[in-house]
Amino acid sequence: MSHRYVLSVPDMSCGHCRASIEAAIRPLGGEPVFDMEARRVTVTGDAPEPQVKAALDYIGFPAQSV
C-alpha cells in the first residue's frame, strides 16, 4: 500500500541530518523528499508513518505529523 505524508523534523538542520534521516526511511520502503528550510520531510512509498516516526525517534530526530 502506498502512503504519502509530511513530517515536521525540528532538529533537522544540515546535510548530515538529511543523510541520517534518509538512511532510516529508505530501508522501510519510503522515499523522502526534503524541505530543509521548513525542516519538513515528505515521505511516499510503502513505509507506514508510525514506523518512520519510530525510526526517526530512535536516531534522535523526533518527528510530528503536519
N, C-alpha and C. Protein backbone atom coordinates (compact mmCIF):
# COMPACT_ATOMS: atom_id res chain seq x y z
N MET A 1 0.84 -1.18 0.00
CA MET A 1 0.00 0.00 0.00
C MET A 1 0.89 1.24 0.00
N SER A 2 0.58 2.18 -0.86
CA SER A 2 1.39 3.38 -0.97
C SER A 2 0.86 4.47 -0.04
N HIS A 3 1.79 5.13 0.63
CA HIS A 3 1.46 6.20 1.58
C HIS A 3 2.08 7.50 1.09
N ARG A 4 1.55 8.60 1.59
CA ARG A 4 2.16 9.91 1.38
C ARG A 4 1.80 10.76 2.59
N TYR A 5 2.81 11.28 3.27
CA TYR A 5 2.57 12.11 4.44
C TYR A 5 3.76 13.05 4.63
N VAL A 6 3.52 14.11 5.39
CA VAL A 6 4.54 15.12 5.66
C VAL A 6 4.85 15.11 7.15
N LEU A 7 6.13 15.13 7.46
CA LEU A 7 6.58 15.15 8.84
C LEU A 7 7.40 16.41 9.11
N SER A 8 7.17 17.00 10.24
CA SER A 8 8.00 18.11 10.71
C SER A 8 9.11 17.50 11.56
N VAL A 9 10.36 17.85 11.21
CA VAL A 9 11.52 17.33 11.94
C VAL A 9 12.33 18.54 12.41
N PRO A 10 11.96 19.13 13.56
CA PRO A 10 12.57 20.38 14.00
C PRO A 10 14.09 20.33 14.20
N ASP A 11 14.63 19.17 14.53
CA ASP A 11 16.07 19.07 14.80
C ASP A 11 16.90 18.85 13.54
N MET A 12 16.29 18.77 12.37
CA MET A 12 16.99 18.57 11.11
C MET A 12 17.55 19.91 10.64
N SER A 13 18.88 20.01 10.54
CA SER A 13 19.44 21.32 10.20
C SER A 13 20.58 21.29 9.18
N CYS A 14 21.06 20.11 8.80
CA CYS A 14 22.23 20.07 7.92
C CYS A 14 22.21 18.83 7.02
N GLY A 15 23.19 18.75 6.16
CA GLY A 15 23.30 17.62 5.25
C GLY A 15 23.51 16.30 5.97
N HIS A 16 24.22 16.33 7.08
CA HIS A 16 24.43 15.10 7.85
C HIS A 16 23.10 14.61 8.41
N CYS A 17 22.29 15.54 8.91
CA CYS A 17 20.96 15.19 9.42
C CYS A 17 20.14 14.55 8.30
N ARG A 18 20.18 15.18 7.15
CA ARG A 18 19.42 14.68 6.00
C ARG A 18 19.85 13.26 5.64
N ALA A 19 21.15 13.02 5.60
CA ALA A 19 21.66 11.68 5.26
C ALA A 19 21.21 10.65 6.28
N SER A 20 21.24 11.00 7.56
CA SER A 20 20.83 10.07 8.61
C SER A 20 19.34 9.74 8.49
N ILE A 21 18.54 10.76 8.24
CA ILE A 21 17.10 10.57 8.11
C ILE A 21 16.78 9.73 6.88
N GLU A 22 17.45 10.02 5.78
CA GLU A 22 17.25 9.26 4.55
C GLU A 22 17.61 7.79 4.76
N ALA A 23 18.71 7.54 5.47
CA ALA A 23 19.15 6.17 5.75
C ALA A 23 18.17 5.42 6.64
N ALA A 24 17.43 6.14 7.47
CA ALA A 24 16.43 5.50 8.34
C ALA A 24 15.14 5.21 7.60
N ILE A 25 14.77 6.06 6.63
CA ILE A 25 13.49 5.92 5.95
C ILE A 25 13.53 4.93 4.79
N ARG A 26 14.57 4.97 4.00
CA ARG A 26 14.62 4.14 2.79
C ARG A 26 14.50 2.64 3.05
N PRO A 27 15.17 2.07 4.06
CA PRO A 27 15.01 0.63 4.28
C PRO A 27 13.58 0.21 4.65
N LEU A 28 12.78 1.17 5.10
CA LEU A 28 11.39 0.87 5.45
C LEU A 28 10.48 0.92 4.23
N GLY A 29 11.04 1.33 3.08
CA GLY A 29 10.25 1.39 1.85
C GLY A 29 9.73 2.77 1.53
N GLY A 30 10.29 3.79 2.18
CA GLY A 30 9.86 5.16 1.94
C GLY A 30 10.86 5.93 1.10
N GLU A 31 10.35 6.88 0.36
CA GLU A 31 11.18 7.78 -0.44
C GLU A 31 11.01 9.19 0.13
N PRO A 32 12.04 9.72 0.80
CA PRO A 32 11.92 11.04 1.39
C PRO A 32 12.24 12.16 0.41
N VAL A 33 11.49 13.26 0.53
CA VAL A 33 11.77 14.50 -0.19
C VAL A 33 11.90 15.56 0.89
N PHE A 34 13.02 16.26 0.88
CA PHE A 34 13.35 17.18 1.97
C PHE A 34 13.07 18.63 1.63
N ASP A 35 12.55 19.36 2.61
CA ASP A 35 12.47 20.81 2.58
C ASP A 35 13.27 21.26 3.81
N MET A 36 14.56 21.48 3.60
CA MET A 36 15.45 21.77 4.72
C MET A 36 15.09 23.09 5.40
N GLU A 37 14.69 24.08 4.64
CA GLU A 37 14.35 25.38 5.21
C GLU A 37 13.17 25.28 6.16
N ALA A 38 12.14 24.53 5.76
CA ALA A 38 10.95 24.35 6.59
C ALA A 38 11.13 23.22 7.61
N ARG A 39 12.23 22.47 7.46
CA ARG A 39 12.51 21.30 8.32
C ARG A 39 11.38 20.29 8.27
N ARG A 40 11.01 19.98 7.01
CA ARG A 40 9.95 19.00 6.76
C ARG A 40 10.43 17.93 5.79
N VAL A 41 9.85 16.75 5.95
CA VAL A 41 10.15 15.63 5.06
C VAL A 41 8.81 15.08 4.56
N THR A 42 8.68 14.99 3.24
CA THR A 42 7.52 14.35 2.65
C THR A 42 7.94 12.93 2.31
N VAL A 43 7.19 11.96 2.81
CA VAL A 43 7.52 10.55 2.60
C VAL A 43 6.45 9.92 1.71
N THR A 44 6.90 9.26 0.66
CA THR A 44 5.99 8.48 -0.19
C THR A 44 6.52 7.06 -0.25
N GLY A 45 5.63 6.13 -0.53
CA GLY A 45 6.04 4.73 -0.64
C GLY A 45 5.28 3.84 0.32
N ASP A 46 5.88 2.71 0.62
CA ASP A 46 5.23 1.69 1.43
C ASP A 46 5.48 1.82 2.93
N ALA A 47 6.31 2.75 3.33
CA ALA A 47 6.67 2.89 4.75
C ALA A 47 5.51 3.50 5.54
N PRO A 48 4.94 2.76 6.49
CA PRO A 48 3.86 3.31 7.31
C PRO A 48 4.39 4.43 8.22
N GLU A 49 3.59 5.46 8.38
CA GLU A 49 4.01 6.62 9.17
C GLU A 49 4.47 6.26 10.59
N PRO A 50 3.76 5.41 11.33
CA PRO A 50 4.22 5.09 12.68
C PRO A 50 5.62 4.47 12.70
N GLN A 51 5.93 3.63 11.73
CA GLN A 51 7.26 3.02 11.66
C GLN A 51 8.33 4.05 11.37
N VAL A 52 8.04 4.96 10.47
CA VAL A 52 9.01 6.01 10.13
C VAL A 52 9.25 6.91 11.34
N LYS A 53 8.18 7.30 12.00
CA LYS A 53 8.33 8.15 13.18
C LYS A 53 9.15 7.45 14.27
N ALA A 54 8.91 6.17 14.45
CA ALA A 54 9.67 5.40 15.45
C ALA A 54 11.15 5.32 15.06
N ALA A 55 11.43 5.11 13.78
CA ALA A 55 12.82 5.04 13.30
C ALA A 55 13.52 6.38 13.48
N LEU A 56 12.82 7.47 13.18
CA LEU A 56 13.43 8.78 13.34
C LEU A 56 13.66 9.10 14.81
N ASP A 57 12.73 8.74 15.66
CA ASP A 57 12.89 8.94 17.10
C ASP A 57 14.10 8.16 17.60
N TYR A 58 14.27 6.95 17.12
CA TYR A 58 15.38 6.09 17.51
C TYR A 58 16.73 6.72 17.19
N ILE A 59 16.83 7.41 16.05
CA ILE A 59 18.10 8.01 15.66
C ILE A 59 18.25 9.45 16.16
N GLY A 60 17.29 9.91 16.96
CA GLY A 60 17.42 11.22 17.58
C GLY A 60 16.79 12.37 16.83
N PHE A 61 15.86 12.07 15.92
CA PHE A 61 15.16 13.10 15.17
C PHE A 61 13.65 12.91 15.32
N PRO A 62 13.10 13.24 16.50
CA PRO A 62 11.66 13.08 16.68
C PRO A 62 10.89 13.92 15.67
N ALA A 63 9.82 13.34 15.14
CA ALA A 63 9.03 13.99 14.09
C ALA A 63 7.56 14.03 14.47
N GLN A 64 6.89 15.08 13.99
CA GLN A 64 5.45 15.22 14.19
C GLN A 64 4.77 15.28 12.83
N SER A 65 3.56 14.77 12.78
CA SER A 65 2.77 14.85 11.55
C SER A 65 2.37 16.30 11.29
N VAL A 66 2.34 16.66 10.01
CA VAL A 66 1.93 18.01 9.62
C VAL A 66 0.56 17.93 9.01
